[in-house]
Each structure stands twice: as structure tokens, then as C-alpha cells.
Amino acid sequence: MKKIYIDIIVIVVAAVGLILLDSFDLLEKSAKFMLIPILAFYYFGKYVGNRYG
């Protein structure tokens, strides 16, 4: 896969996840823990980029 497709997939998954969290009003409650999924996406992206890129 090309890196651009991987980037687009990750952006779409993150957007859908944030929309779901917002629809259940979980963004205000879990704002202090937002760094954890951001770091998870960062390291997952590094892994996929090194493995398939």
C-alpha cells in the first residue's frame, strides 16, 4: 500500500471515532485522557509506515 492510502485510512478512522465519542458525549468526560489514543495512533502509524511503506 502507498503511504497516502494509509494516511487517509487513519484519518477516516480517527474522524469516525471522534464523531462516535462526541455523539455519546464522552469527549468532555475523557478530555484529560486524550493523549493516550493520540500516542497509540502515532506509534501504530510509525509501525505501519516502517513495515509497509
C-alpha atoms as a PDB file:
ATOM      1  CA  MET A   1       0.000   0.000   0.000  1.00  0.00           C
ATOM      2  CA  LYS A   2       1.112   3.503  -0.592  1.00  0.00           C
ATOM      3  CA  LYS A   3       1.608   5.792   2.374  1.00  0.00           C
ATOM      4  CA  ILE A   4      -1.085   8.195   1.213  1.00  0.00           C
ATOM      5  CA  TYR A   5      -3.739   5.472   1.398  1.00  0.00           C
ATOM      6  CA  ILE A   6      -2.635   4.513   4.893  1.00  0.00           C
ATOM      7  CA  ASP A   7      -2.784   8.176   5.945  1.00  0.00           C
ATOM      8  CA  ILE A   8      -6.290   8.554   4.524  1.00  0.00           C
ATOM      9  CA  ILE A   9      -7.492   5.393   6.269  1.00  0.00           C
ATOM     10  CA  VAL A  10      -6.106   6.537   9.624  1.00  0.00           C
ATOM     11  CA  ILE A  11      -7.669   9.990   9.245  1.00  0.00           C
ATOM     12  CA  VAL A  12     -11.062   8.479   8.409  1.00  0.00           C
ATOM     13  CA  VAL A  13     -10.880   6.046  11.347  1.00  0.00           C
ATOM     14  CA  ALA A  14      -9.895   8.855  13.728  1.00  0.00           C
ATOM     15  CA  ALA A  15     -12.708  11.085  12.438  1.00  0.00           C
ATOM     16  CA  VAL A  16     -15.308   8.343  12.824  1.00  0.00           C
ATOM     17  CA  GLY A  17     -14.026   7.585  16.320  1.00  0.00           C
ATOM     18  CA  LEU A  18     -14.228  11.223  17.358  1.00  0.00           C
ATOM     19  CA  ILE A  19     -17.724  11.560  15.903  1.00  0.00           C
ATOM     20  CA  LEU A  20     -18.847   8.498  17.865  1.00  0.00           C
ATOM     21  CA  LEU A  21     -17.304   9.814  21.072  1.00  0.00           C
ATOM     22  CA  ASP A  22     -18.982  13.166  20.529  1.00  0.00           C
ATOM     23  CA  SER A  23     -22.366  11.588  19.857  1.00  0.00           C
ATOM     24  CA  PHE A  24     -22.222   9.798  23.221  1.00  0.00           C
ATOM     25  CA  ASP A  25     -20.983  12.967  24.998  1.00  0.00           C
ATOM     26  CA  LEU A  26     -17.763  11.253  26.057  1.00  0.00           C
ATOM     27  CA  LEU A  27     -15.358  13.933  24.854  1.00  0.00           C
ATOM     28  CA  GLU A  28     -15.923  16.234  27.822  1.00  0.00           C
ATOM     29  CA  LYS A  29     -15.607  13.416  30.338  1.00  0.00           C
ATOM     30  CA  SER A  30     -12.436  11.924  28.900  1.00  0.00           C
ATOM     31  CA  ALA A  31     -10.596  15.054  27.725  1.00  0.00           C
ATOM     32  CA  LYS A  32      -7.743  14.500  30.163  1.00  0.00           C
ATOM     33  CA  PHE A  33      -7.090  11.040  28.694  1.00  0.00           C
ATOM     34  CA  MET A  34      -6.981  12.126  25.024  1.00  0.00           C
ATOM     35  CA  LEU A  35      -3.190  11.841  24.895  1.00  0.00           C
ATOM     36  CA  ILE A  36      -3.364   8.045  25.176  1.00  0.00           C
ATOM     37  CA  PRO A  37      -5.211   7.365  21.870  1.00  0.00           C
ATOM     38  CA  ILE A  38      -3.182  10.053  20.118  1.00  0.00           C
ATOM     39  CA  LEU A  39       0.043   8.326  21.160  1.00  0.00           C
ATOM     40  CA  ALA A  40      -1.406   4.943  20.188  1.00  0.00           C
ATOM     41  CA  PHE A  41      -2.215   6.247  16.690  1.00  0.00           C
ATOM     42  CA  TYR A  42       1.250   7.778  16.444  1.00  0.00           C
ATOM     43  CA  TYR A  43       3.083   4.551  17.272  1.00  0.00           C
ATOM     44  CA  PHE A  44       0.697   2.479  15.157  1.00  0.00           C
ATOM     45  CA  GLY A  45       1.342   4.819  12.239  1.00  0.00           C
ATOM     46  CA  LYS A  46       5.092   4.550  12.708  1.00  0.00           C
ATOM     47  CA  TYR A  47       4.846   0.749  12.769  1.00  0.00           C
ATOM     48  CA  VAL A  48       2.688   0.569   9.632  1.00  0.00           C
ATOM     49  CA  GLY A  49       4.852   3.121   7.840  1.00  0.00           C
ATOM     50  CA  ASN A  50       8.030   1.198   8.559  1.00  0.00           C
ATOM     51  CA  ARG A  51       6.528  -2.185   7.781  1.00  0.00           C
ATOM     52  CA  TYR A  52       4.538  -1.412   4.619  1.00  0.00           C
ATOM     53  CA  GLY A  53       5.965   1.901   3.470  1.00  0.00           C
END
